[in-house]
Amino acid sequence: MQTEMLEVFREVATQRSITGAAATLRYTQSAVSRQMAALEAEFGARLFDRLPRGVALTEEGRCLLEHASAVLDRLAAARREVHAVRDAVTGRLRVGAFATADAAVVPRAMARFRAAHPAVEVSLVEGLTVRLLAALLAGDADLVLVQTGADRPFTDERFRLHHLADEPVLLAVPRTHPLAARPAPVPLAELAGEAWVAGSARPEETLLGPSARLGFAPRIDFVVREWTAKFGFVTAGLGVTLVPALAAGIVPASLALLPLDPGEVPPRQVVAATLAGRTVPSVVERFLAILRDETRATLCHVPAAAPSIPA
């Protein structure tokens, strides 16, 4: 049975007239009569009494009308809700992101998204890349931001990647450091004797990893994992550190950010990951557009040795 037949039945019952229902629905009278006859055959019961002027529901017809109205009302509600999800009017958005993305880009993107889609529930999942990807696979996140080195691209067929930007890595030094006023990119050769503040004693596990794999051997004097603490150590003159460009906005005024040669310190790729083989929800598509815009805007205002934003 087609729902169209129930719609015609309800209209005939409302108007108590096959002729009136046909005019309202823009059908021929004979087409409406045929559909009502087919519906009666479907249920094996007379649904209308044909009167000299119009029709009247039988008891069986009144019974069917109650159920037909419920079915049609539920379908109408379903259409409205599906369209609301399609148009990102309602739903939920769960975003996973790494720490430096959470510093500015993600909250700004979320604020813009919420202003445009106030009925969508927005939440954040924090953690390192491994935890974020696990949350995505487990269905606990809708998209996650991850970063990867240009020399070790992210490859996992379980995920679909949405490129956001190539993010330069900057050198942070105290304002009193001899390099602080350096206008040109700083070569690694000039940093060979510097003390470093990094998140691990193993350079390959830090932002220094790509440079270490190219032969640079930094002297890591202090292992500090939290960004605010890193900045404190550098401000105190205990060493220099690398800072992802997305975190430039949270660097204190006591530090200078300097560009590096991208051939020696390759930019990182910042991508958003969704599940491969799955339709990307409308809320995610719309958030991605905002997120890409905010990422590009942020990177336009950082010192760089070469263009960091793809055309």
C-alpha atoms as a PDB file:
ATOM      1  CA  MET A   1       0.000   0.000   0.000  1.00  0.00           C
ATOM      2  CA  GLN A   2       1.289   3.456  -0.900  1.00  0.00           C
ATOM      3  CA  THR A   3       1.003   6.281   1.617  1.00  0.00           C
ATOM      4  CA  GLU A   4      -0.505   8.382  -1.160  1.00  0.00           C
ATOM      5  CA  MET A   5      -3.610   6.181  -0.930  1.00  0.00           C
ATOM      6  CA  LEU A   6      -3.930   6.955   2.788  1.00  0.00           C
ATOM      7  CA  GLU A   7      -3.560  10.674   2.091  1.00  0.00           C
ATOM      8  CA  VAL A   8      -6.366  10.498  -0.471  1.00  0.00           C
ATOM      9  CA  PHE A   9      -8.507   8.490   1.971  1.00  0.00           C
ATOM     10  CA  ARG A  10      -8.012  11.081   4.721  1.00  0.00           C
ATOM     11  CA  GLU A  11      -8.903  13.921   2.374  1.00  0.00           C
ATOM     12  CA  VAL A  12     -12.115  12.164   1.238  1.00  0.00           C
ATOM     13  CA  ALA A  13     -13.025  11.477   4.867  1.00  0.00           C
ATOM     14  CA  THR A  14     -12.340  15.096   5.842  1.00  0.00           C
ATOM     15  CA  GLN A  15     -14.387  16.578   3.016  1.00  0.00           C
ATOM     16  CA  ARG A  16     -16.982  13.787   2.959  1.00  0.00           C
ATOM     17  CA  SER A  17     -16.805  14.085  -0.776  1.00  0.00           C
ATOM     18  CA  ILE A  18     -14.904  12.268  -3.510  1.00  0.00           C
ATOM     19  CA  THR A  19     -15.472  15.219  -5.829  1.00  0.00           C
ATOM     20  CA  GLY A  20     -14.180  17.735  -3.283  1.00  0.00           C
ATOM     21  CA  ALA A  21     -11.119  15.640  -2.448  1.00  0.00           C
ATOM     22  CA  ALA A  22     -10.328  15.260  -6.151  1.00  0.00           C
ATOM     23  CA  ALA A  23     -10.465  19.037  -6.625  1.00  0.00           C
ATOM     24  CA  THR A  24      -8.245  19.707  -3.595  1.00  0.00           C
ATOM     25  CA  LEU A  25      -5.674  17.080  -4.573  1.00  0.00           C
ATOM     26  CA  ARG A  26      -5.913  17.934  -8.285  1.00  0.00           C
ATOM     27  CA  TYR A  27      -6.865  14.387  -9.232  1.00  0.00           C
ATOM     28  CA  THR A  28      -9.716  13.288 -11.446  1.00  0.00           C
ATOM     29  CA  GLN A  29     -12.821  12.077  -9.656  1.00  0.00           C
ATOM     30  CA  SER A  30     -12.466   8.658 -11.264  1.00  0.00           C
ATOM     31  CA  ALA A  31      -8.849   8.381 -10.001  1.00  0.00           C
ATOM     32  CA  VAL A  32      -9.968   9.060  -6.435  1.00  0.00           C
ATOM     33  CA  SER A  33     -12.847   6.566  -6.767  1.00  0.00           C
ATOM     34  CA  ARG A  34     -10.444   3.887  -8.019  1.00  0.00           C
ATOM     35  CA  GLN A  35      -8.038   4.472  -5.103  1.00  0.00           C
ATOM     36  CA  MET A  36     -10.857   4.227  -2.562  1.00  0.00           C
ATOM     37  CA  ALA A  37     -12.092   1.009  -4.158  1.00  0.00           C
ATOM     38  CA  ALA A  38      -8.559  -0.405  -4.063  1.00  0.00           C
ATOM     39  CA  LEU A  39      -8.221   0.574  -0.392  1.00  0.00           C
ATOM     40  CA  GLU A  40     -11.485  -1.158   0.467  1.00  0.00           C
ATOM     41  CA  ALA A  41     -10.260  -4.263  -1.350  1.00  0.00           C
ATOM     42  CA  GLU A  42      -6.961  -4.059   0.566  1.00  0.00           C
ATOM     43  CA  PHE A  43      -8.761  -4.095   3.940  1.00  0.00           C
ATOM     44  CA  GLY A  44     -11.665  -6.272   2.871  1.00  0.00           C
ATOM     45  CA  ALA A  45     -14.215  -3.843   4.262  1.00  0.00           C
ATOM     46  CA  ARG A  46     -16.499  -1.049   3.101  1.00  0.00           C
ATOM     47  CA  LEU A  47     -14.962   2.219   4.275  1.00  0.00           C
ATOM     48  CA  PHE A  48     -17.547   4.673   2.932  1.00  0.00           C
ATOM     49  CA  ASP A  49     -21.258   4.692   2.360  1.00  0.00           C
ATOM     50  CA  ARG A  50     -21.963   6.347  -0.984  1.00  0.00           C
ATOM     51  CA  LEU A  51     -24.757   8.850  -0.472  1.00  0.00           C
ATOM     52  CA  PRO A  52     -26.733  10.939  -2.983  1.00  0.00           C
ATOM     53  CA  ARG A  53     -24.646  13.944  -1.910  1.00  0.00           C
ATOM     54  CA  GLY A  54     -21.170  12.865  -0.839  1.00  0.00           C
ATOM     55  CA  VAL A  55     -19.948   9.973   1.293  1.00  0.00           C
ATOM     56  CA  ALA A  56     -19.995   8.992   4.974  1.00  0.00           C
ATOM     57  CA  LEU A  57     -17.462   6.892   6.859  1.00  0.00           C
ATOM     58  CA  THR A  58     -18.548   3.470   8.010  1.00  0.00           C
ATOM     59  CA  GLU A  59     -17.429   2.154  11.410  1.00  0.00           C
ATOM     60  CA  GLU A  60     -14.576   0.381   9.618  1.00  0.00           C
ATOM     61  CA  GLY A  61     -13.712   3.631   7.879  1.00  0.00           C
ATOM     62  CA  ARG A  62     -13.618   5.544  11.174  1.00  0.00           C
ATOM     63  CA  CYS A  63     -11.272   2.904  12.567  1.00  0.00           C
ATOM     64  CA  LEU A  64      -8.934   3.182   9.581  1.00  0.00           C
ATOM     65  CA  LEU A  65      -8.993   6.995   9.647  1.00  0.00           C
ATOM     66  CA  GLU A  66      -7.542   7.029  13.167  1.00  0.00           C
ATOM     67  CA  HIS A  67      -4.646   4.790  12.138  1.00  0.00           C
ATOM     68  CA  ALA A  68      -4.146   6.492   8.757  1.00  0.00           C
ATOM     69  CA  SER A  69      -3.894   9.891  10.434  1.00  0.00           C
ATOM     70  CA  ALA A  70      -1.351   8.569  12.951  1.00  0.00           C
ATOM     71  CA  VAL A  71       0.761   7.034  10.178  1.00  0.00           C
ATOM     72  CA  LEU A  72       0.665  10.166   8.023  1.00  0.00           C
ATOM     73  CA  ASP A  73       1.434  12.445  10.968  1.00  0.00           C
ATOM     74  CA  ARG A  74       4.433  10.315  11.954  1.00  0.00           C
ATOM     75  CA  LEU A  75       5.719  10.352   8.384  1.00  0.00           C
ATOM     76  CA  ALA A  76       5.349  14.130   8.244  1.00  0.00           C
ATOM     77  CA  ALA A  77       7.262  14.451  11.524  1.00  0.00           C
ATOM     78  CA  ALA A  78       9.949  12.104  10.190  1.00  0.00           C
ATOM     79  CA  ARG A  79      10.341  14.227   7.063  1.00  0.00           C
ATOM     80  CA  ARG A  80      10.682  17.376   9.149  1.00  0.00           C
ATOM     81  CA  GLU A  81      13.305  15.808  11.404  1.00  0.00           C
ATOM     82  CA  VAL A  82      15.289  14.306   8.527  1.00  0.00           C
ATOM     83  CA  HIS A  83      15.297  17.676   6.763  1.00  0.00           C
ATOM     84  CA  ALA A  84      16.397  19.363   9.987  1.00  0.00           C
ATOM     85  CA  VAL A  85      19.362  16.987  10.243  1.00  0.00           C
ATOM     86  CA  ARG A  86      20.144  17.434   6.540  1.00  0.00           C
ATOM     87  CA  ASP A  87      20.093  21.208   6.908  1.00  0.00           C
ATOM     88  CA  ALA A  88      22.111  21.121  10.165  1.00  0.00           C
ATOM     89  CA  VAL A  89      19.212  22.693  12.028  1.00  0.00           C
ATOM     90  CA  THR A  90      19.423  20.048  14.740  1.00  0.00           C
ATOM     91  CA  GLY A  91      21.594  17.104  15.739  1.00  0.00           C
ATOM     92  CA  ARG A  92      24.945  16.794  17.491  1.00  0.00           C
ATOM     93  CA  LEU A  93      28.566  17.493  16.675  1.00  0.00           C
ATOM     94  CA  ARG A  94      31.394  15.867  18.640  1.00  0.00           C
ATOM     95  CA  VAL A  95      34.834  17.213  17.747  1.00  0.00           C
ATOM     96  CA  GLY A  96      38.137  15.715  18.819  1.00  0.00           C
ATOM     97  CA  ALA A  97      41.244  17.880  18.683  1.00  0.00           C
ATOM     98  CA  PHE A  98      44.861  18.030  19.819  1.00  0.00           C
ATOM     99  CA  ALA A  99      46.013  20.638  22.330  1.00  0.00           C
ATOM    100  CA  THR A 100      47.366  23.364  20.056  1.00  0.00           C
ATOM    101  CA  ALA A 101      44.274  23.233  17.838  1.00  0.00           C
ATOM    102  CA  ASP A 102      42.199  23.717  20.989  1.00  0.00           C
ATOM    103  CA  ALA A 103      44.208  26.837  21.789  1.00  0.00           C
ATOM    104  CA  ALA A 104      42.344  29.043  19.313  1.00  0.00           C
ATOM    105  CA  VAL A 105      41.200  27.494  16.032  1.00  0.00           C
ATOM    106  CA  VAL A 106      38.740  24.925  17.381  1.00  0.00           C
ATOM    107  CA  PRO A 107      36.999  27.207  19.906  1.00  0.00           C
ATOM    108  CA  ARG A 108      36.637  29.969  17.320  1.00  0.00           C
ATOM    109  CA  ALA A 109      35.220  27.506  14.802  1.00  0.00           C
ATOM    110  CA  MET A 110      32.836  26.104  17.424  1.00  0.00           C
ATOM    111  CA  ALA A 111      31.660  29.604  18.358  1.00  0.00           C
ATOM    112  CA  ARG A 112      30.889  30.431  14.727  1.00  0.00           C
ATOM    113  CA  PHE A 113      29.166  27.095  14.216  1.00  0.00           C
ATOM    114  CA  ARG A 114      26.992  27.472  17.317  1.00  0.00           C
ATOM    115  CA  ALA A 115      25.970  30.974  16.283  1.00  0.00           C
ATOM    116  CA  ALA A 116      24.837  29.622  12.898  1.00  0.00           C
ATOM    117  CA  HIS A 117      23.315  26.379  14.243  1.00  0.00           C
ATOM    118  CA  PRO A 118      22.187  27.047  17.822  1.00  0.00           C
ATOM    119  CA  ALA A 119      20.052  23.888  18.089  1.00  0.00           C
ATOM    120  CA  VAL A 120      22.968  21.544  17.331  1.00  0.00           C
ATOM    121  CA  GLU A 121      24.611  20.092  20.443  1.00  0.00           C
ATOM    122  CA  VAL A 122      28.376  20.683  20.238  1.00  0.00           C
ATOM    123  CA  SER A 123      30.963  18.946  22.431  1.00  0.00           C
ATOM    124  CA  LEU A 124      34.729  18.455  22.559  1.00  0.00           C
ATOM    125  CA  VAL A 125      36.820  15.286  22.896  1.00  0.00           C
ATOM    126  CA  GLU A 126      40.393  15.931  24.052  1.00  0.00           C
ATOM    127  CA  GLY A 127      43.443  13.711  23.822  1.00  0.00           C
ATOM    128  CA  LEU A 128      46.447  12.624  21.860  1.00  0.00           C
ATOM    129  CA  THR A 129      46.072  11.429  18.285  1.00  0.00           C
ATOM    130  CA  VAL A 130      45.797   7.740  19.211  1.00  0.00           C
ATOM    131  CA  ARG A 131      42.962   8.395  21.659  1.00  0.00           C
ATOM    132  CA  LEU A 132      41.156  10.699  19.248  1.00  0.00           C
ATOM    133  CA  LEU A 133      41.223   8.164  16.432  1.00  0.00           C
ATOM    134  CA  ALA A 134      40.031   5.455  18.814  1.00  0.00           C
ATOM    135  CA  ALA A 135      37.107   7.688  19.811  1.00  0.00           C
ATOM    136  CA  LEU A 136      36.233   8.165  16.146  1.00  0.00           C
ATOM    137  CA  LEU A 137      36.311   4.413  15.501  1.00  0.00           C
ATOM    138  CA  ALA A 138      34.211   3.754  18.605  1.00  0.00           C
ATOM    139  CA  GLY A 139      31.532   6.206  17.509  1.00  0.00           C
ATOM    140  CA  ASP A 140      32.319   8.645  20.324  1.00  0.00           C
ATOM    141  CA  ALA A 141      33.392  11.455  17.954  1.00  0.00           C
ATOM    142  CA  ASP A 142      32.148  12.691  14.589  1.00  0.00           C
ATOM    143  CA  LEU A 143      35.448  14.097  13.379  1.00  0.00           C
ATOM    144  CA  VAL A 144      38.882  14.532  14.886  1.00  0.00           C
ATOM    145  CA  LEU A 145      41.788  16.797  14.106  1.00  0.00           C
ATOM    146  CA  VAL A 146      45.181  15.174  13.760  1.00  0.00           C
ATOM    147  CA  GLN A 147      48.568  16.412  12.647  1.00  0.00           C
ATOM    148  CA  THR A 148      51.320  14.548  10.879  1.00  0.00           C
ATOM    149  CA  GLY A 149      54.810  15.317   9.656  1.00  0.00           C
ATOM    150  CA  ALA A 150      55.414  15.833   5.952  1.00  0.00           C
ATOM    151  CA  ASP A 151      58.100  13.155   6.094  1.00  0.00           C
ATOM    152  CA  ARG A 152      55.686  10.656   7.684  1.00  0.00           C
ATOM    153  CA  PRO A 153      52.230  11.195   6.170  1.00  0.00           C
ATOM    154  CA  PHE A 154      49.195   9.768   7.931  1.00  0.00           C
ATOM    155  CA  THR A 155      47.974   6.646   6.133  1.00  0.00           C
ATOM    156  CA  ASP A 156      45.165   4.514   7.459  1.00  0.00           C
ATOM    157  CA  GLU A 157      42.442   3.232   5.162  1.00  0.00           C
ATOM    158  CA  ARG A 158      39.923   3.254   8.023  1.00  0.00           C
ATOM    159  CA  PHE A 159      39.828   7.039   7.881  1.00  0.00           C
ATOM    160  CA  ARG A 160      38.936   9.670   5.321  1.00  0.00           C
ATOM    161  CA  LEU A 161      41.179  12.721   5.594  1.00  0.00           C
ATOM    162  CA  HIS A 162      40.107  16.313   4.971  1.00  0.00           C
ATOM    163  CA  HIS A 163      43.167  18.515   4.521  1.00  0.00           C
ATOM    164  CA  LEU A 164      42.958  21.789   6.440  1.00  0.00           C
ATOM    165  CA  ALA A 165      46.408  23.355   6.051  1.00  0.00           C
ATOM    166  CA  ASP A 166      50.153  22.880   6.103  1.00  0.00           C
ATOM    167  CA  GLU A 167      51.228  24.298   9.436  1.00  0.00           C
ATOM    168  CA  PRO A 168      54.698  25.859   9.828  1.00  0.00           C
ATOM    169  CA  VAL A 169      56.729  25.103  12.939  1.00  0.00           C
ATOM    170  CA  LEU A 170      58.205  28.205  14.585  1.00  0.00           C
ATOM    171  CA  LEU A 171      61.135  28.795  16.913  1.00  0.00           C
ATOM    172  CA  ALA A 172      60.322  30.422  20.264  1.00  0.00           C
ATOM    173  CA  VAL A 173      63.105  32.332  22.004  1.00  0.00           C
ATOM    174  CA  PRO A 174      63.167  34.955  24.785  1.00  0.00           C
ATOM    175  CA  ARG A 175      62.867  38.557  23.608  1.00  0.00           C
ATOM    176  CA  THR A 176      66.370  39.082  24.961  1.00  0.00           C
ATOM    177  CA  HIS A 177      67.853  36.282  22.842  1.00  0.00           C
ATOM    178  CA  PRO A 178      70.389  37.340  20.167  1.00  0.00           C
ATOM    179  CA  LEU A 179      68.197  35.746  17.479  1.00  0.00           C
ATOM    180  CA  ALA A 180      65.027  37.524  18.582  1.00  0.00           C
ATOM    181  CA  ALA A 181      65.386  40.332  16.058  1.00  0.00           C
ATOM    182  CA  ARG A 182      66.433  38.005  13.228  1.00  0.00           C
ATOM    183  CA  PRO A 183      64.306  38.918  10.155  1.00  0.00           C
ATOM    184  CA  ALA A 184      65.176  35.893   7.991  1.00  0.00           C
ATOM    185  CA  PRO A 185      64.496  32.196   8.633  1.00  0.00           C
ATOM    186  CA  VAL A 186      66.860  30.773  11.231  1.00  0.00           C
ATOM    187  CA  PRO A 187      69.034  27.899   9.935  1.00  0.00           C
ATOM    188  CA  LEU A 188      69.398  24.890  12.219  1.00  0.00           C
ATOM    189  CA  ALA A 189      73.176  25.275  12.087  1.00  0.00           C
ATOM    190  CA  GLU A 190      72.821  28.385  14.251  1.00  0.00           C
ATOM    191  CA  LEU A 191      70.887  26.380  16.855  1.00  0.00           C
ATOM    192  CA  ALA A 192      73.389  23.566  17.281  1.00  0.00           C
ATOM    193  CA  GLY A 193      74.650  24.844  20.621  1.00  0.00           C
ATOM    194  CA  GLU A 194      71.270  25.864  22.056  1.00  0.00           C
ATOM    195  CA  ALA A 195      69.617  24.217  25.038  1.00  0.00           C
ATOM    196  CA  TRP A 196      66.151  22.912  24.103  1.00  0.00           C
ATOM    197  CA  VAL A 197      62.905  22.591  26.013  1.00  0.00           C
ATOM    198  CA  ALA A 198      60.862  19.711  24.540  1.00  0.00           C
ATOM    199  CA  GLY A 199      58.078  17.307  25.393  1.00  0.00           C
ATOM    200  CA  SER A 200      60.349  14.253  25.432  1.00  0.00           C
ATOM    201  CA  ALA A 201      64.015  13.440  25.876  1.00  0.00           C
ATOM    202  CA  ARG A 202      63.839  11.632  22.526  1.00  0.00           C
ATOM    203  CA  PRO A 203      63.868  14.243  19.717  1.00  0.00           C
ATOM    204  CA  GLU A 204      62.064  11.892  17.333  1.00  0.00           C
ATOM    205  CA  GLU A 205      59.017  11.958  19.642  1.00  0.00           C
ATOM    206  CA  THR A 206      58.748  15.763  19.518  1.00  0.00           C
ATOM    207  CA  LEU A 207      58.359  18.522  16.952  1.00  0.00           C
ATOM    208  CA  LEU A 208      62.099  18.111  16.417  1.00  0.00           C
ATOM    209  CA  GLY A 209      61.509  14.652  14.952  1.00  0.00           C
ATOM    210  CA  PRO A 210      61.622  15.533  11.220  1.00  0.00           C
ATOM    211  CA  SER A 211      64.763  17.634  11.752  1.00  0.00           C
ATOM    212  CA  ALA A 212      66.389  14.871  13.821  1.00  0.00           C
ATOM    213  CA  ARG A 213      65.695  12.415  11.006  1.00  0.00           C
ATOM    214  CA  LEU A 214      67.481  14.864   8.691  1.00  0.00           C
ATOM    215  CA  GLY A 215      70.552  14.730  10.941  1.00  0.00           C
ATOM    216  CA  PHE A 216      70.012  17.566  13.418  1.00  0.00           C
ATOM    217  CA  ALA A 217      71.026  16.553  16.972  1.00  0.00           C
ATOM    218  CA  PRO A 218      69.438  18.922  19.517  1.00  0.00           C
ATOM    219  CA  ARG A 219      70.527  19.074  23.153  1.00  0.00           C
ATOM    220  CA  ILE A 220      67.363  18.685  25.195  1.00  0.00           C
ATOM    221  CA  ASP A 221      68.031  20.049  28.676  1.00  0.00           C
ATOM    222  CA  PHE A 222      64.456  20.130  29.958  1.00  0.00           C
ATOM    223  CA  VAL A 223      61.565  17.766  29.280  1.00  0.00           C
ATOM    224  CA  VAL A 224      58.345  19.765  29.710  1.00  0.00           C
ATOM    225  CA  ARG A 225      55.085  18.499  28.240  1.00  0.00           C
ATOM    226  CA  GLU A 226      52.571  21.248  29.062  1.00  0.00           C
ATOM    227  CA  TRP A 227      52.676  24.267  26.775  1.00  0.00           C
ATOM    228  CA  THR A 228      52.288  26.986  29.397  1.00  0.00           C
ATOM    229  CA  ALA A 229      55.182  25.477  31.346  1.00  0.00           C
ATOM    230  CA  LYS A 230      57.319  25.289  28.181  1.00  0.00           C
ATOM    231  CA  PHE A 231      56.785  28.975  27.598  1.00  0.00           C
ATOM    232  CA  GLY A 232      57.773  29.676  31.193  1.00  0.00           C
ATOM    233  CA  PHE A 233      61.047  27.793  30.820  1.00  0.00           C
ATOM    234  CA  VAL A 234      61.889  29.594  27.586  1.00  0.00           C
ATOM    235  CA  THR A 235      60.973  32.992  29.063  1.00  0.00           C
ATOM    236  CA  ALA A 236      63.376  32.246  31.930  1.00  0.00           C
ATOM    237  CA  GLY A 237      66.183  31.719  29.415  1.00  0.00           C
ATOM    238  CA  LEU A 238      66.526  27.981  30.081  1.00  0.00           C
ATOM    239  CA  GLY A 239      66.299  27.042  26.443  1.00  0.00           C
ATOM    240  CA  VAL A 240      64.450  27.463  23.150  1.00  0.00           C
ATOM    241  CA  THR A 241      61.545  25.431  21.844  1.00  0.00           C
ATOM    242  CA  LEU A 242      59.496  24.763  18.747  1.00  0.00           C
ATOM    243  CA  VAL A 243      55.894  25.945  18.561  1.00  0.00           C
ATOM    244  CA  PRO A 244      53.249  24.858  16.037  1.00  0.00           C
ATOM    245  CA  ALA A 245      51.897  27.883  14.208  1.00  0.00           C
ATOM    246  CA  LEU A 246      48.343  27.173  15.383  1.00  0.00           C
ATOM    247  CA  ALA A 247      49.524  27.891  18.935  1.00  0.00           C
ATOM    248  CA  ALA A 248      51.112  31.239  18.045  1.00  0.00           C
ATOM    249  CA  GLY A 249      48.197  33.118  19.549  1.00  0.00           C
ATOM    250  CA  ILE A 250      48.818  31.765  23.055  1.00  0.00           C
ATOM    251  CA  VAL A 251      52.553  32.502  23.120  1.00  0.00           C
ATOM    252  CA  PRO A 252      53.275  35.181  25.750  1.00  0.00           C
ATOM    253  CA  ALA A 253      54.638  38.571  24.749  1.00  0.00           C
ATOM    254  CA  SER A 254      57.887  37.694  26.540  1.00  0.00           C
ATOM    255  CA  LEU A 255      58.775  35.371  23.656  1.00  0.00           C
ATOM    256  CA  ALA A 256      59.635  36.003  20.022  1.00  0.00           C
ATOM    257  CA  LEU A 257      58.489  33.603  17.306  1.00  0.00           C
ATOM    258  CA  LEU A 258      60.880  33.126  14.415  1.00  0.00           C
ATOM    259  CA  PRO A 259      60.393  31.349  11.093  1.00  0.00           C
ATOM    260  CA  LEU A 260      62.556  28.359  10.230  1.00  0.00           C
ATOM    261  CA  ASP A 261      63.680  26.953   6.909  1.00  0.00           C
ATOM    262  CA  PRO A 262      60.836  24.598   5.844  1.00  0.00           C
ATOM    263  CA  GLY A 263      63.422  22.409   4.165  1.00  0.00           C
ATOM    264  CA  GLU A 264      65.068  21.800   7.549  1.00  0.00           C
ATOM    265  CA  VAL A 265      61.935  21.949   9.707  1.00  0.00           C
ATOM    266  CA  PRO A 266      59.085  20.736   7.469  1.00  0.00           C
ATOM    267  CA  PRO A 267      55.576  22.014   8.128  1.00  0.00           C
ATOM    268  CA  ARG A 268      53.056  19.650   9.649  1.00  0.00           C
ATOM    269  CA  GLN A 269      49.918  18.620   7.833  1.00  0.00           C
ATOM    270  CA  VAL A 270      46.769  19.398   9.783  1.00  0.00           C
ATOM    271  CA  VAL A 271      43.847  17.237   8.730  1.00  0.00           C
ATOM    272  CA  ALA A 272      40.396  16.371   9.991  1.00  0.00           C
ATOM    273  CA  ALA A 273      39.554  12.680   9.957  1.00  0.00           C
ATOM    274  CA  THR A 274      36.165  11.043   9.513  1.00  0.00           C
ATOM    275  CA  LEU A 275      35.369   7.373   9.024  1.00  0.00           C
ATOM    276  CA  ALA A 276      36.108   6.024   5.554  1.00  0.00           C
ATOM    277  CA  GLY A 277      33.155   4.671   3.621  1.00  0.00           C
ATOM    278  CA  ARG A 278      30.629   6.640   5.687  1.00  0.00           C
ATOM    279  CA  THR A 279      28.489   9.536   4.555  1.00  0.00           C
ATOM    280  CA  VAL A 280      29.759  12.711   6.169  1.00  0.00           C
ATOM    281  CA  PRO A 281      26.846  14.239   8.150  1.00  0.00           C
ATOM    282  CA  SER A 282      25.679  17.719   7.202  1.00  0.00           C
ATOM    283  CA  VAL A 283      26.727  19.139  10.576  1.00  0.00           C
ATOM    284  CA  VAL A 284      30.253  17.829   9.993  1.00  0.00           C
ATOM    285  CA  GLU A 285      30.391  19.210   6.444  1.00  0.00           C
ATOM    286  CA  ARG A 286      29.367  22.644   7.668  1.00  0.00           C
ATOM    287  CA  PHE A 287      31.751  22.586  10.606  1.00  0.00           C
ATOM    288  CA  LEU A 288      34.604  21.520   8.315  1.00  0.00           C
ATOM    289  CA  ALA A 289      34.036  24.556   6.106  1.00  0.00           C
ATOM    290  CA  ILE A 290      34.188  26.865   9.131  1.00  0.00           C
ATOM    291  CA  LEU A 291      37.183  25.022  10.574  1.00  0.00           C
ATOM    292  CA  ARG A 292      39.113  25.260   7.314  1.00  0.00           C
ATOM    293  CA  ASP A 293      38.378  28.992   7.147  1.00  0.00           C
ATOM    294  CA  GLU A 294      39.510  29.571  10.738  1.00  0.00           C
ATOM    295  CA  THR A 295      42.671  27.510  10.229  1.00  0.00           C
ATOM    296  CA  ARG A 296      43.652  29.501   7.163  1.00  0.00           C
ATOM    297  CA  ALA A 297      42.895  32.800   8.900  1.00  0.00           C
ATOM    298  CA  THR A 298      45.093  31.833  11.858  1.00  0.00           C
ATOM    299  CA  LEU A 299      48.027  30.783   9.719  1.00  0.00           C
ATOM    300  CA  CYS A 300      47.853  33.985   7.679  1.00  0.00           C
ATOM    301  CA  HIS A 301      49.046  35.906  10.739  1.00  0.00           C
ATOM    302  CA  VAL A 302      52.111  33.915  11.744  1.00  0.00           C
ATOM    303  CA  PRO A 303      55.706  34.458  10.605  1.00  0.00           C
ATOM    304  CA  ALA A 304      56.619  32.001   7.879  1.00  0.00           C
ATOM    305  CA  ALA A 305      59.591  31.370   5.665  1.00  0.00           C
ATOM    306  CA  ALA A 306      57.347  30.311   2.797  1.00  0.00           C
ATOM    307  CA  PRO A 307      53.606  30.250   2.092  1.00  0.00           C
ATOM    308  CA  SER A 308      52.045  27.840   4.534  1.00  0.00           C
ATOM    309  CA  ILE A 309      48.524  27.727   3.144  1.00  0.00           C
ATOM    310  CA  PRO A 310      47.811  25.655   0.036  1.00  0.00           C
ATOM    311  CA  ALA A 311      46.144  27.394  -2.876  1.00  0.00           C
END
